[in-house]
Amino acid sequence: MPDLLCLGEPMLEFNRQPAGPDGRVLYLEGHGGDTSNAAIAAARSGATVGYITAIGTDAPGDSFMALWAAEGVDTTTVRRAPDAPTGLYVVTHDDQSHHFTFYRTGSAAARYRPADLPEDAIRSARILHLSGISQAISDTACDAAFRAIELARAARVAVSYDTNLRLRLWPAARAAAVIHAAIGMADIALPSLDDATALTGLTDPDAVADFYLRLCPTVLLKCGVAGCLVATREARTRIPAHRVPAVDATGAGDTFAGALLARLLAGDDPLDAARYANAAAALSTTGYGAVAPIPREAAVRALLAA
């Protein structure tokens, strides 16, 4: 069975490209979904990975099955639902950031229930990874995520949790309550500074780290162009960002998560794993889309050596 299991919703992606000389705008079709991106990032960095989700028996679902097969992501725990679609989203860009428009209501993943969980596979893994989005898409998906965490903890499987806050999916108060309850059950917390500010009102990275260390023993705070902060209850270290020709930050945080978990599974300590993940995330911003720019280990090692 895979060492790493990721749980969540994959979504077909349409990423807006810069206008051409004639003013026409094209959308690049790709694959997304935060925990699917993380699974692929981990696989490209050498981990054995499986995915827990439900997708439709539609063309987008078929596309994901082909993608995961090509990437070496185990699909034994993927359910195909004939009566619900695979979700999709559109990415647009401006001078400040990238923006998402989602089409996921009633998706197969949103209908996922605790009874659908592959309990034996979860118990056999070494790390379970999930996110705020995994819980935000529906009440049943939220319940399934909590049940998966309970199964992992009972089997001494480590739990990794990425905040990935999307306030269009749920009210801020509910998001904070659910996300912080889940992080309180996790071994590794992966908040971004933007998410943490929205969830806690705190803006200082050290204050954010202090808040999450009260809930979880290891915190990797993603700070975008400022790099990341690695914090445990014993020590903390800031890792600066790498200078790269960035064009699209879609999926950078997911790449960080997957690369980090791959290195932890390989035996790295959290600080070394974070240095690797920080470089992988930087490289993922040098191309368009969530999946295509995710680097493989050789490229990450080259950036770290440089």
C-alpha atoms as a PDB file:
ATOM      1  CA  MET A   1       0.000   0.000   0.000  1.00  0.00           C
ATOM      2  CA  PRO A   2       1.149   3.615  -0.505  1.00  0.00           C
ATOM      3  CA  ASP A   3       3.059   5.388   2.267  1.00  0.00           C
ATOM      4  CA  LEU A   4       1.121   8.613   1.660  1.00  0.00           C
ATOM      5  CA  LEU A   5      -2.633   8.876   1.184  1.00  0.00           C
ATOM      6  CA  CYS A   6      -4.171  12.205   0.141  1.00  0.00           C
ATOM      7  CA  LEU A   7      -7.894  12.863   0.548  1.00  0.00           C
ATOM      8  CA  GLY A   8      -9.915  15.511  -1.256  1.00  0.00           C
ATOM      9  CA  GLU A   9     -11.418  16.686  -4.510  1.00  0.00           C
ATOM     10  CA  PRO A  10      -9.702  16.744  -7.918  1.00  0.00           C
ATOM     11  CA  MET A  11     -10.960  19.354 -10.385  1.00  0.00           C
ATOM     12  CA  LEU A  12     -10.443  19.926 -14.074  1.00  0.00           C
ATOM     13  CA  GLU A  13      -8.712  23.280 -14.565  1.00  0.00           C
ATOM     14  CA  PHE A  14      -9.059  26.013 -17.178  1.00  0.00           C
ATOM     15  CA  ASN A  15      -6.252  28.563 -16.724  1.00  0.00           C
ATOM     16  CA  ARG A  16      -6.563  31.949 -18.471  1.00  0.00           C
ATOM     17  CA  GLN A  17      -3.517  32.739 -20.603  1.00  0.00           C
ATOM     18  CA  PRO A  18      -2.201  36.215 -21.495  1.00  0.00           C
ATOM     19  CA  ALA A  19      -3.970  37.793 -24.452  1.00  0.00           C
ATOM     20  CA  GLY A  20      -2.289  37.256 -27.817  1.00  0.00           C
ATOM     21  CA  PRO A  21      -1.352  39.985 -30.311  1.00  0.00           C
ATOM     22  CA  ASP A  22      -4.861  39.844 -31.748  1.00  0.00           C
ATOM     23  CA  GLY A  23      -6.432  40.283 -28.309  1.00  0.00           C
ATOM     24  CA  ARG A  24      -7.779  36.743 -28.130  1.00  0.00           C
ATOM     25  CA  VAL A  25      -7.658  34.944 -24.792  1.00  0.00           C
ATOM     26  CA  LEU A  26      -7.223  31.185 -24.550  1.00  0.00           C
ATOM     27  CA  TYR A  27      -7.686  28.923 -21.554  1.00  0.00           C
ATOM     28  CA  LEU A  28      -5.178  26.148 -20.900  1.00  0.00           C
ATOM     29  CA  GLU A  29      -6.872  22.920 -19.843  1.00  0.00           C
ATOM     30  CA  GLY A  30      -5.205  21.097 -17.000  1.00  0.00           C
ATOM     31  CA  HIS A  31      -5.770  19.286 -13.728  1.00  0.00           C
ATOM     32  CA  GLY A  32      -6.107  20.687 -10.236  1.00  0.00           C
ATOM     33  CA  GLY A  33      -7.525  20.099  -6.810  1.00  0.00           C
ATOM     34  CA  ASP A  34      -5.221  20.848  -3.900  1.00  0.00           C
ATOM     35  CA  THR A  35      -4.663  17.380  -2.483  1.00  0.00           C
ATOM     36  CA  SER A  36      -4.408  15.827  -5.948  1.00  0.00           C
ATOM     37  CA  ASN A  37      -1.695  18.375  -6.749  1.00  0.00           C
ATOM     38  CA  ALA A  38       0.057  17.473  -3.506  1.00  0.00           C
ATOM     39  CA  ALA A  39      -0.151  13.766  -4.341  1.00  0.00           C
ATOM     40  CA  ILE A  40       1.468  14.346  -7.724  1.00  0.00           C
ATOM     41  CA  ALA A  41       4.150  16.570  -6.207  1.00  0.00           C
ATOM     42  CA  ALA A  42       4.976  13.844  -3.696  1.00  0.00           C
ATOM     43  CA  ALA A  43       5.077  11.181  -6.407  1.00  0.00           C
ATOM     44  CA  ARG A  44       7.403  13.322  -8.551  1.00  0.00           C
ATOM     45  CA  SER A  45       9.708  13.554  -5.534  1.00  0.00           C
ATOM     46  CA  GLY A  46       9.837   9.794  -5.093  1.00  0.00           C
ATOM     47  CA  ALA A  47       7.089   8.947  -2.597  1.00  0.00           C
ATOM     48  CA  THR A  48       4.587   6.124  -2.991  1.00  0.00           C
ATOM     49  CA  VAL A  49       1.219   7.859  -3.043  1.00  0.00           C
ATOM     50  CA  GLY A  50      -2.468   6.987  -3.264  1.00  0.00           C
ATOM     51  CA  TYR A  51      -5.536   9.188  -3.581  1.00  0.00           C
ATOM     52  CA  ILE A  52      -8.861   8.979  -1.767  1.00  0.00           C
ATOM     53  CA  THR A  53     -11.753  10.624  -3.596  1.00  0.00           C
ATOM     54  CA  ALA A  54     -14.812  10.154  -5.776  1.00  0.00           C
ATOM     55  CA  ILE A  55     -15.031  11.325  -9.393  1.00  0.00           C
ATOM     56  CA  GLY A  56     -17.632  11.021 -12.092  1.00  0.00           C
ATOM     57  CA  THR A  57     -17.767   8.390 -14.812  1.00  0.00           C
ATOM     58  CA  ASP A  58     -17.357  11.322 -17.210  1.00  0.00           C
ATOM     59  CA  ALA A  59     -14.595  12.564 -19.507  1.00  0.00           C
ATOM     60  CA  PRO A  60     -12.961  14.728 -16.799  1.00  0.00           C
ATOM     61  CA  GLY A  61     -12.954  11.720 -14.481  1.00  0.00           C
ATOM     62  CA  ASP A  62     -11.355   9.577 -17.181  1.00  0.00           C
ATOM     63  CA  SER A  63      -8.769  12.302 -17.667  1.00  0.00           C
ATOM     64  CA  PHE A  64      -7.835  12.191 -14.000  1.00  0.00           C
ATOM     65  CA  MET A  65      -7.526   8.416 -14.004  1.00  0.00           C
ATOM     66  CA  ALA A  66      -5.121   8.681 -16.927  1.00  0.00           C
ATOM     67  CA  LEU A  67      -3.172  11.462 -15.211  1.00  0.00           C
ATOM     68  CA  TRP A  68      -2.754   9.553 -11.953  1.00  0.00           C
ATOM     69  CA  ALA A  69      -1.700   6.419 -13.831  1.00  0.00           C
ATOM     70  CA  ALA A  70       0.942   8.409 -15.695  1.00  0.00           C
ATOM     71  CA  GLU A  71       2.171   9.999 -12.466  1.00  0.00           C
ATOM     72  CA  GLY A  72       2.325   6.773 -10.491  1.00  0.00           C
ATOM     73  CA  VAL A  73      -0.448   7.750  -8.061  1.00  0.00           C
ATOM     74  CA  ASP A  74      -2.339   4.678  -6.864  1.00  0.00           C
ATOM     75  CA  THR A  75      -6.069   4.852  -7.668  1.00  0.00           C
ATOM     76  CA  THR A  76      -7.233   1.795  -5.748  1.00  0.00           C
ATOM     77  CA  THR A  77      -9.065   4.099  -3.338  1.00  0.00           C
ATOM     78  CA  VAL A  78     -10.710   6.278  -6.025  1.00  0.00           C
ATOM     79  CA  ARG A  79     -14.481   5.774  -6.384  1.00  0.00           C
ATOM     80  CA  ARG A  80     -16.251   6.359  -9.725  1.00  0.00           C
ATOM     81  CA  ALA A  81     -19.768   7.773  -9.358  1.00  0.00           C
ATOM     82  CA  PRO A  82     -22.127   7.337 -12.343  1.00  0.00           C
ATOM     83  CA  ASP A  83     -24.643   9.839 -10.947  1.00  0.00           C
ATOM     84  CA  ALA A  84     -22.401  12.831 -10.118  1.00  0.00           C
ATOM     85  CA  PRO A  85     -19.891  14.896 -12.117  1.00  0.00           C
ATOM     86  CA  THR A  86     -16.223  15.666 -11.637  1.00  0.00           C
ATOM     87  CA  GLY A  87     -15.787  19.315 -10.575  1.00  0.00           C
ATOM     88  CA  LEU A  88     -13.961  22.030 -12.502  1.00  0.00           C
ATOM     89  CA  TYR A  89     -12.618  25.552 -11.943  1.00  0.00           C
ATOM     90  CA  VAL A  90     -11.327  28.564 -13.869  1.00  0.00           C
ATOM     91  CA  VAL A  91      -8.159  30.507 -12.956  1.00  0.00           C
ATOM     92  CA  THR A  92      -7.755  34.188 -13.859  1.00  0.00           C
ATOM     93  CA  HIS A  93      -4.862  36.522 -13.079  1.00  0.00           C
ATOM     94  CA  ASP A  94      -4.299  40.198 -12.265  1.00  0.00           C
ATOM     95  CA  ASP A  95      -1.392  42.295 -10.982  1.00  0.00           C
ATOM     96  CA  GLN A  96      -1.960  41.190  -7.403  1.00  0.00           C
ATOM     97  CA  SER A  97      -2.664  37.466  -7.568  1.00  0.00           C
ATOM     98  CA  HIS A  98      -4.551  34.624  -9.208  1.00  0.00           C
ATOM     99  CA  HIS A  99      -8.284  34.066  -8.690  1.00  0.00           C
ATOM    100  CA  PHE A 100     -10.486  30.971  -8.813  1.00  0.00           C
ATOM    101  CA  THR A 101     -14.055  30.403  -9.987  1.00  0.00           C
ATOM    102  CA  PHE A 102     -15.360  26.973  -9.006  1.00  0.00           C
ATOM    103  CA  TYR A 103     -18.038  24.718 -10.503  1.00  0.00           C
ATOM    104  CA  ARG A 104     -18.303  21.918  -7.978  1.00  0.00           C
ATOM    105  CA  THR A 105     -21.842  21.898  -6.540  1.00  0.00           C
ATOM    106  CA  GLY A 106     -23.062  18.316  -6.401  1.00  0.00           C
ATOM    107  CA  SER A 107     -19.749  16.875  -7.541  1.00  0.00           C
ATOM    108  CA  ALA A 108     -18.915  13.245  -6.835  1.00  0.00           C
ATOM    109  CA  ALA A 109     -16.330  14.307  -4.234  1.00  0.00           C
ATOM    110  CA  ALA A 110     -18.847  16.618  -2.519  1.00  0.00           C
ATOM    111  CA  ARG A 111     -21.117  13.598  -2.070  1.00  0.00           C
ATOM    112  CA  TYR A 112     -18.371  11.584  -0.376  1.00  0.00           C
ATOM    113  CA  ARG A 113     -19.443  10.072   2.981  1.00  0.00           C
ATOM    114  CA  PRO A 114     -17.667   8.498   5.962  1.00  0.00           C
ATOM    115  CA  ALA A 115     -18.994   5.093   4.884  1.00  0.00           C
ATOM    116  CA  ASP A 116     -17.092   5.467   1.604  1.00  0.00           C
ATOM    117  CA  LEU A 117     -13.681   5.626   3.300  1.00  0.00           C
ATOM    118  CA  PRO A 118     -11.135   2.847   2.584  1.00  0.00           C
ATOM    119  CA  GLU A 119     -10.444   2.192   6.251  1.00  0.00           C
ATOM    120  CA  ASP A 120      -7.831  -0.553   5.800  1.00  0.00           C
ATOM    121  CA  ALA A 121      -5.829   1.568   3.358  1.00  0.00           C
ATOM    122  CA  ILE A 122      -5.787   4.488   5.801  1.00  0.00           C
ATOM    123  CA  ARG A 123      -4.604   2.242   8.620  1.00  0.00           C
ATOM    124  CA  SER A 124      -1.807   0.910   6.390  1.00  0.00           C
ATOM    125  CA  ALA A 125      -0.413   4.305   5.358  1.00  0.00           C
ATOM    126  CA  ARG A 126       2.385   6.240   7.051  1.00  0.00           C
ATOM    127  CA  ILE A 127       0.911   9.720   6.449  1.00  0.00           C
ATOM    128  CA  LEU A 128      -2.628  10.910   5.714  1.00  0.00           C
ATOM    129  CA  HIS A 129      -2.825  14.342   4.070  1.00  0.00           C
ATOM    130  CA  LEU A 130      -5.956  16.464   3.748  1.00  0.00           C
ATOM    131  CA  SER A 131      -6.996  20.106   3.749  1.00  0.00           C
ATOM    132  CA  GLY A 132      -9.606  22.706   4.531  1.00  0.00           C
ATOM    133  CA  ILE A 133     -11.006  22.256   1.034  1.00  0.00           C
ATOM    134  CA  SER A 134     -11.406  18.541   1.710  1.00  0.00           C
ATOM    135  CA  GLN A 135     -13.815  19.547   4.474  1.00  0.00           C
ATOM    136  CA  ALA A 136     -15.416  22.656   2.967  1.00  0.00           C
ATOM    137  CA  ILE A 137     -17.077  21.107  -0.076  1.00  0.00           C
ATOM    138  CA  SER A 138     -19.962  19.509   1.860  1.00  0.00           C
ATOM    139  CA  ASP A 139     -21.077  18.378   5.302  1.00  0.00           C
ATOM    140  CA  THR A 140     -20.642  14.709   4.382  1.00  0.00           C
ATOM    141  CA  ALA A 141     -17.144  15.324   3.022  1.00  0.00           C
ATOM    142  CA  CYS A 142     -16.305  17.180   6.230  1.00  0.00           C
ATOM    143  CA  ASP A 143     -17.507  14.246   8.302  1.00  0.00           C
ATOM    144  CA  ALA A 144     -15.523  11.834   6.126  1.00  0.00           C
ATOM    145  CA  ALA A 145     -12.361  13.879   6.656  1.00  0.00           C
ATOM    146  CA  PHE A 146     -12.775  13.838  10.437  1.00  0.00           C
ATOM    147  CA  ARG A 147     -13.441  10.102  10.356  1.00  0.00           C
ATOM    148  CA  ALA A 148     -10.311   9.564   8.241  1.00  0.00           C
ATOM    149  CA  ILE A 149      -8.260  11.523  10.789  1.00  0.00           C
ATOM    150  CA  GLU A 150      -9.697   9.428  13.617  1.00  0.00           C
ATOM    151  CA  LEU A 151      -8.799   6.215  11.789  1.00  0.00           C
ATOM    152  CA  ALA A 152      -5.272   7.461  11.126  1.00  0.00           C
ATOM    153  CA  ARG A 153      -4.685   8.531  14.729  1.00  0.00           C
ATOM    154  CA  ALA A 154      -5.957   5.221  16.075  1.00  0.00           C
ATOM    155  CA  ALA A 155      -3.506   3.404  13.800  1.00  0.00           C
ATOM    156  CA  ARG A 156      -0.625   5.802  14.631  1.00  0.00           C
ATOM    157  CA  VAL A 157      -0.585   7.136  11.098  1.00  0.00           C
ATOM    158  CA  ALA A 158       0.717  10.708  10.969  1.00  0.00           C
ATOM    159  CA  VAL A 159      -1.772  13.376   9.850  1.00  0.00           C
ATOM    160  CA  SER A 160      -0.821  16.373   7.704  1.00  0.00           C
ATOM    161  CA  TYR A 161      -3.295  19.242   7.303  1.00  0.00           C
ATOM    162  CA  ASP A 162      -3.144  22.194   4.891  1.00  0.00           C
ATOM    163  CA  THR A 163      -5.511  25.071   5.715  1.00  0.00           C
ATOM    164  CA  ASN A 164      -6.211  26.015   2.060  1.00  0.00           C
ATOM    165  CA  LEU A 165      -8.950  28.410   3.096  1.00  0.00           C
ATOM    166  CA  ARG A 166     -11.641  29.161   0.509  1.00  0.00           C
ATOM    167  CA  LEU A 167     -14.202  31.527   2.041  1.00  0.00           C
ATOM    168  CA  ARG A 168     -16.492  31.153  -0.968  1.00  0.00           C
ATOM    169  CA  LEU A 169     -17.120  27.601   0.199  1.00  0.00           C
ATOM    170  CA  TRP A 170     -18.090  28.268   3.802  1.00  0.00           C
ATOM    171  CA  PRO A 171     -18.533  31.066   6.383  1.00  0.00           C
ATOM    172  CA  ALA A 172     -15.400  32.294   8.126  1.00  0.00           C
ATOM    173  CA  ALA A 173     -16.552  31.248  11.597  1.00  0.00           C
ATOM    174  CA  ARG A 174     -17.343  27.686  10.513  1.00  0.00           C
ATOM    175  CA  ALA A 175     -14.102  27.469   8.537  1.00  0.00           C
ATOM    176  CA  ALA A 176     -12.054  28.529  11.550  1.00  0.00           C
ATOM    177  CA  ALA A 177     -13.852  26.118  13.889  1.00  0.00           C
ATOM    178  CA  VAL A 178     -13.508  23.114  11.582  1.00  0.00           C
ATOM    179  CA  ILE A 179      -9.963  23.825  10.402  1.00  0.00           C
ATOM    180  CA  HIS A 180      -8.661  24.427  13.920  1.00  0.00           C
ATOM    181  CA  ALA A 181     -10.406  21.319  15.236  1.00  0.00           C
ATOM    182  CA  ALA A 182      -8.732  19.280  12.497  1.00  0.00           C
ATOM    183  CA  ILE A 183      -5.310  20.850  13.087  1.00  0.00           C
ATOM    184  CA  GLY A 184      -5.729  19.997  16.759  1.00  0.00           C
ATOM    185  CA  MET A 185      -5.847  16.338  15.674  1.00  0.00           C
ATOM    186  CA  ALA A 186      -2.911  16.623  13.230  1.00  0.00           C
ATOM    187  CA  ASP A 187       0.834  16.072  13.533  1.00  0.00           C
ATOM    188  CA  ILE A 188       1.831  18.556  10.823  1.00  0.00           C
ATOM    189  CA  ALA A 189       0.057  21.869  10.146  1.00  0.00           C
ATOM    190  CA  LEU A 190       0.584  23.662   6.827  1.00  0.00           C
ATOM    191  CA  PRO A 191      -1.115  27.064   7.054  1.00  0.00           C
ATOM    192  CA  SER A 192      -0.327  29.927   4.702  1.00  0.00           C
ATOM    193  CA  LEU A 193       0.157  33.347   6.247  1.00  0.00           C
ATOM    194  CA  ASP A 194      -2.828  34.732   4.323  1.00  0.00           C
ATOM    195  CA  ASP A 195      -5.043  31.885   5.525  1.00  0.00           C
ATOM    196  CA  ALA A 196      -3.809  32.233   9.084  1.00  0.00           C
ATOM    197  CA  THR A 197      -4.546  35.961   9.129  1.00  0.00           C
ATOM    198  CA  ALA A 198      -8.093  35.325   7.920  1.00  0.00           C
ATOM    199  CA  LEU A 199      -8.589  32.517  10.442  1.00  0.00           C
ATOM    200  CA  THR A 200      -6.968  34.100  13.504  1.00  0.00           C
ATOM    201  CA  GLY A 201      -6.612  37.844  12.864  1.00  0.00           C
ATOM    202  CA  LEU A 202      -2.855  37.540  13.428  1.00  0.00           C
ATOM    203  CA  THR A 203      -0.384  39.000  10.922  1.00  0.00           C
ATOM    204  CA  ASP A 204       3.020  38.368  12.503  1.00  0.00           C
ATOM    205  CA  PRO A 205       4.502  35.015  11.442  1.00  0.00           C
ATOM    206  CA  ASP A 206       5.838  34.255  14.913  1.00  0.00           C
ATOM    207  CA  ALA A 207       2.464  34.990  16.484  1.00  0.00           C
ATOM    208  CA  VAL A 208       0.827  32.719  13.926  1.00  0.00           C
ATOM    209  CA  ALA A 209       3.351  29.982  14.688  1.00  0.00           C
ATOM    210  CA  ASP A 210       2.668  30.370  18.423  1.00  0.00           C
ATOM    211  CA  PHE A 211      -1.074  30.020  17.807  1.00  0.00           C
ATOM    212  CA  TYR A 212      -0.793  26.831  15.744  1.00  0.00           C
ATOM    213  CA  LEU A 213       1.868  25.269  17.954  1.00  0.00           C
ATOM    214  CA  ARG A 214      -0.729  25.266  20.715  1.00  0.00           C
ATOM    215  CA  LEU A 215      -2.753  22.947  18.478  1.00  0.00           C
ATOM    216  CA  CYS A 216      -0.127  20.907  16.630  1.00  0.00           C
ATOM    217  CA  PRO A 217       3.522  19.935  17.309  1.00  0.00           C
ATOM    218  CA  THR A 218       4.972  20.884  13.904  1.00  0.00           C
ATOM    219  CA  VAL A 219       3.989  23.969  11.908  1.00  0.00           C
ATOM    220  CA  LEU A 220       5.196  24.866   8.421  1.00  0.00           C
ATOM    221  CA  LEU A 221       3.986  28.416   7.756  1.00  0.00           C
ATOM    222  CA  LYS A 222       3.955  29.261   4.046  1.00  0.00           C
ATOM    223  CA  CYS A 223       4.734  32.958   3.523  1.00  0.00           C
ATOM    224  CA  GLY A 224       4.742  33.241  -0.281  1.00  0.00           C
ATOM    225  CA  VAL A 225       7.533  35.463  -1.595  1.00  0.00           C
ATOM    226  CA  ALA A 226       8.917  35.623   1.966  1.00  0.00           C
ATOM    227  CA  GLY A 227       9.603  31.865   1.989  1.00  0.00           C
ATOM    228  CA  CYS A 228       8.469  29.769   4.941  1.00  0.00           C
ATOM    229  CA  LEU A 229       8.785  29.465   8.702  1.00  0.00           C
ATOM    230  CA  VAL A 230       9.504  26.047  10.190  1.00  0.00           C
ATOM    231  CA  ALA A 231       8.330  25.908  13.801  1.00  0.00           C
ATOM    232  CA  THR A 232       8.277  23.225  16.465  1.00  0.00           C
ATOM    233  CA  ARG A 233       7.812  23.653  20.190  1.00  0.00           C
ATOM    234  CA  GLU A 234      11.613  23.518  20.546  1.00  0.00           C
ATOM    235  CA  ALA A 235      12.843  25.782  17.732  1.00  0.00           C
ATOM    236  CA  ARG A 236      11.906  27.777  14.641  1.00  0.00           C
ATOM    237  CA  THR A 237      13.760  28.726  11.457  1.00  0.00           C
ATOM    238  CA  ARG A 238      12.923  31.062   8.570  1.00  0.00           C
ATOM    239  CA  ILE A 239      13.770  29.813   5.084  1.00  0.00           C
ATOM    240  CA  PRO A 240      13.975  32.555   2.427  1.00  0.00           C
ATOM    241  CA  ALA A 241      12.248  32.199  -0.921  1.00  0.00           C
ATOM    242  CA  HIS A 242      14.163  31.386  -4.104  1.00  0.00           C
ATOM    243  CA  ARG A 243      14.318  33.981  -6.877  1.00  0.00           C
ATOM    244  CA  VAL A 244      12.720  32.454  -9.974  1.00  0.00           C
ATOM    245  CA  PRO A 245      10.901  33.869 -13.032  1.00  0.00           C
ATOM    246  CA  ALA A 246       7.423  33.305 -11.600  1.00  0.00           C
ATOM    247  CA  VAL A 247       4.381  33.513 -13.872  1.00  0.00           C
ATOM    248  CA  ASP A 248       1.639  31.594 -12.022  1.00  0.00           C
ATOM    249  CA  ALA A 249       1.442  30.644  -8.348  1.00  0.00           C
ATOM    250  CA  THR A 250      -1.444  28.192  -8.844  1.00  0.00           C
ATOM    251  CA  GLY A 251      -0.707  25.070  -6.809  1.00  0.00           C
ATOM    252  CA  ALA A 252       2.545  26.333  -5.283  1.00  0.00           C
ATOM    253  CA  GLY A 253       1.345  25.626  -1.753  1.00  0.00           C
ATOM    254  CA  ASP A 254       0.176  22.167  -2.806  1.00  0.00           C
ATOM    255  CA  THR A 255       3.587  21.477  -4.327  1.00  0.00           C
ATOM    256  CA  PHE A 256       5.174  22.559  -1.055  1.00  0.00           C
ATOM    257  CA  ALA A 257       2.975  20.119   0.867  1.00  0.00           C
ATOM    258  CA  GLY A 258       3.600  17.139  -1.408  1.00  0.00           C
ATOM    259  CA  ALA A 259       7.333  17.735  -1.667  1.00  0.00           C
ATOM    260  CA  LEU A 260       7.612  18.188   2.097  1.00  0.00           C
ATOM    261  CA  LEU A 261       5.784  14.940   2.829  1.00  0.00           C
ATOM    262  CA  ALA A 262       7.878  13.033   0.284  1.00  0.00           C
ATOM    263  CA  ARG A 263      11.053  14.123   2.015  1.00  0.00           C
ATOM    264  CA  LEU A 264       9.692  13.383   5.499  1.00  0.00           C
ATOM    265  CA  LEU A 265       8.837   9.876   4.284  1.00  0.00           C
ATOM    266  CA  ALA A 266      12.381   9.579   2.924  1.00  0.00           C
ATOM    267  CA  GLY A 267      13.763  10.301   6.395  1.00  0.00           C
ATOM    268  CA  ASP A 268      14.543  14.039   6.302  1.00  0.00           C
ATOM    269  CA  ASP A 269      13.963  16.113   9.416  1.00  0.00           C
ATOM    270  CA  PRO A 270      11.333  18.869   9.127  1.00  0.00           C
ATOM    271  CA  LEU A 271      13.892  21.601   8.442  1.00  0.00           C
ATOM    272  CA  ASP A 272      15.640  19.776   5.584  1.00  0.00           C
ATOM    273  CA  ALA A 273      12.282  18.664   4.186  1.00  0.00           C
ATOM    274  CA  ALA A 274      11.069  22.268   4.287  1.00  0.00           C
ATOM    275  CA  ARG A 275      14.155  23.535   2.442  1.00  0.00           C
ATOM    276  CA  TYR A 276      13.455  21.028  -0.311  1.00  0.00           C
ATOM    277  CA  ALA A 277       9.733  21.859  -0.381  1.00  0.00           C
ATOM    278  CA  ASN A 278      10.456  25.591  -0.495  1.00  0.00           C
ATOM    279  CA  ALA A 279      12.575  25.092  -3.627  1.00  0.00           C
ATOM    280  CA  ALA A 280       9.973  22.811  -5.225  1.00  0.00           C
ATOM    281  CA  ALA A 281       7.227  25.373  -4.602  1.00  0.00           C
ATOM    282  CA  ALA A 282       9.328  28.127  -6.186  1.00  0.00           C
ATOM    283  CA  LEU A 283       9.901  26.055  -9.320  1.00  0.00           C
ATOM    284  CA  SER A 284       6.184  25.299  -9.587  1.00  0.00           C
ATOM    285  CA  THR A 285       5.486  29.015 -10.178  1.00  0.00           C
ATOM    286  CA  THR A 286       7.584  29.153 -13.361  1.00  0.00           C
ATOM    287  CA  GLY A 287       4.875  27.671 -15.605  1.00  0.00           C
ATOM    288  CA  TYR A 288       1.112  27.877 -16.007  1.00  0.00           C
ATOM    289  CA  GLY A 289      -1.341  25.500 -14.384  1.00  0.00           C
ATOM    290  CA  ALA A 290      -1.351  23.473 -11.211  1.00  0.00           C
ATOM    291  CA  VAL A 291       0.259  20.226 -12.410  1.00  0.00           C
ATOM    292  CA  ALA A 292       2.493  20.795 -15.424  1.00  0.00           C
ATOM    293  CA  PRO A 293       5.094  22.952 -13.599  1.00  0.00           C
ATOM    294  CA  ILE A 294       5.412  20.691 -10.534  1.00  0.00           C
ATOM    295  CA  PRO A 295       9.124  19.815 -10.542  1.00  0.00           C
ATOM    296  CA  ARG A 296      10.788  16.466 -10.250  1.00  0.00           C
ATOM    297  CA  GLU A 297      13.512  15.769  -7.719  1.00  0.00           C
ATOM    298  CA  ALA A 298      16.445  16.443 -10.058  1.00  0.00           C
ATOM    299  CA  ALA A 299      15.229  19.964 -10.804  1.00  0.00           C
ATOM    300  CA  VAL A 300      14.713  20.704  -7.100  1.00  0.00           C
ATOM    301  CA  ARG A 301      18.174  19.437  -6.245  1.00  0.00           C
ATOM    302  CA  ALA A 302      19.660  21.593  -8.990  1.00  0.00           C
ATOM    303  CA  LEU A 303      18.001  24.729  -7.600  1.00  0.00           C
ATOM    304  CA  LEU A 304      19.136  23.902  -4.078  1.00  0.00           C
ATOM    305  CA  ALA A 305      22.701  23.355  -5.293  1.00  0.00           C
ATOM    306  CA  ALA A 306      22.663  26.672  -7.170  1.00  0.00           C
END
